């Protein structure tokens, strides 16, 4: 069963562009990781939100523990965030039209 991750990143205002650039650099690399089905960055005025879909818990675990892209990203974000990362791991609950009722 797929695993969905929603990670909220709140950059300090003076680092917003720098954090966005670092996140986008990670996106390209993470797309090539085994088990990555979706790794998409979104934003509003004060936060960035990464929405992820992994083929299963093992793929997410590998990303979380061995991903060179994630290790570099964490280093690039050091000292540039106004709050700790808020990462939520979710299990899909499909409903309705299969094409619209789940990520």
Protein backbone atom coordinates (compact mmCIF):
# COMPACT_ATOMS: atom_id res chain seq x y z
CA UNK A 1 0.00 0.00 0.00
CA UNK A 2 1.33 3.47 -0.85
CA UNK A 3 2.42 5.92 1.81
CA UNK A 4 1.64 9.64 1.62
CA UNK A 5 3.83 12.25 3.31
CA UNK A 6 2.97 15.91 3.86
CA UNK A 7 5.96 17.96 5.01
CA UNK A 8 5.50 21.61 5.95
CA UNK A 9 8.54 23.85 5.87
CA UNK A 10 8.47 27.39 7.29
CA UNK A 11 11.51 29.33 6.11
CA UNK A 12 12.64 32.48 7.83
CA UNK A 13 11.48 35.34 5.57
CA UNK A 14 15.00 36.35 4.55
CA UNK A 15 15.75 32.78 3.41
CA UNK A 16 12.51 32.01 1.56
CA UNK A 17 14.05 32.08 -1.94
CA UNK A 18 17.14 30.17 -0.82
CA UNK A 19 15.04 27.46 0.86
CA UNK A 20 12.80 27.19 -2.21
CA UNK A 21 15.85 26.77 -4.46
CA UNK A 22 17.26 24.05 -2.19
CA UNK A 23 13.91 22.24 -2.13
CA UNK A 24 13.62 22.33 -5.92
CA UNK A 25 17.14 20.95 -6.30
CA UNK A 26 16.17 18.02 -4.07
CA UNK A 27 12.99 17.37 -6.09
CA UNK A 28 14.92 16.45 -9.22
CA UNK A 29 17.15 14.00 -7.35
CA UNK A 30 14.38 12.42 -5.27
CA UNK A 31 12.30 11.76 -8.39
CA UNK A 32 14.98 9.21 -9.32
CA UNK A 33 14.81 7.31 -6.03
CA UNK A 34 13.31 3.83 -5.99
CA UNK A 35 9.69 3.92 -4.86
CA UNK A 36 9.11 7.65 -5.38
CA UNK A 37 5.76 8.15 -7.12
CA UNK A 38 5.24 11.83 -6.25
CA UNK A 39 7.48 14.48 -4.73
CA UNK A 40 5.86 17.84 -5.41
CA UNK A 41 6.54 21.24 -3.85
CA UNK A 42 3.79 23.79 -3.14
CA UNK A 43 3.84 27.17 -1.41
CA UNK A 44 1.84 30.00 0.06
CA UNK A 45 2.94 33.23 1.71
CA UNK A 46 4.81 31.80 4.69
CA UNK A 47 5.38 28.10 4.07
CA UNK A 48 6.37 25.44 1.61
CA UNK A 49 4.56 22.11 1.53
CA UNK A 50 6.06 18.97 0.03
CA UNK A 51 3.51 16.31 -0.88
CA UNK A 52 5.03 12.88 -1.39
CA UNK A 53 3.78 9.46 -2.43
CA UNK A 54 5.93 6.37 -1.93
CA UNK A 55 5.22 2.82 -3.08
CA UNK A 56 5.32 1.63 0.51
CA UNK A 57 6.92 1.99 3.93
CA UNK A 58 10.21 0.40 2.81
CA UNK A 59 10.68 3.00 0.05
CA UNK A 60 9.94 5.84 2.46
CA UNK A 61 12.33 4.35 5.03
CA UNK A 62 15.10 4.15 2.42
CA UNK A 63 14.46 7.77 1.43
CA UNK A 64 14.47 8.89 5.05
CA UNK A 65 17.68 7.10 6.01
CA UNK A 66 19.90 6.82 2.93
CA UNK A 67 18.88 9.55 0.49
CA UNK A 68 21.87 11.70 -0.45
CA UNK A 69 19.44 14.35 -1.72
CA UNK A 70 17.65 14.48 1.64
CA UNK A 71 20.93 14.66 3.56
CA UNK A 72 22.09 17.58 1.40
CA UNK A 73 18.72 19.28 1.74
CA UNK A 74 18.80 19.03 5.53
CA UNK A 75 22.27 20.61 5.53
CA UNK A 76 21.12 23.36 3.14
CA UNK A 77 18.14 24.18 5.39
CA UNK A 78 20.18 24.40 8.59
CA UNK A 79 19.59 27.76 10.30
CA UNK A 80 17.12 28.94 7.66
CA UNK A 81 13.83 27.74 9.13
CA UNK A 82 11.55 29.57 11.55
CA UNK A 83 10.12 26.31 12.93
CA UNK A 84 11.01 22.62 12.91
CA UNK A 85 9.85 20.61 9.91
CA UNK A 86 6.33 19.27 10.38
CA UNK A 87 6.23 15.85 8.71
CA UNK A 88 3.06 13.75 8.68
CA UNK A 89 3.02 10.22 7.27
CA UNK A 90 -0.42 9.11 6.10
CA UNK A 91 -2.15 5.99 4.83
CA UNK A 92 -4.54 6.61 1.92
CA UNK A 93 -8.24 6.10 2.53
CA UNK A 94 -9.57 5.86 -1.05
CA UNK A 95 -13.15 6.84 -1.75
CA UNK A 96 -15.38 7.75 -4.65
CA UNK A 97 -13.81 7.92 -8.10
CA UNK A 98 -10.46 6.05 -7.90
CA UNK A 99 -8.81 8.71 -10.07
CA UNK A 100 -9.98 11.53 -7.78
CA UNK A 101 -10.31 9.98 -4.34
CA UNK A 102 -6.64 9.43 -3.60
CA UNK A 103 -3.17 10.74 -4.40
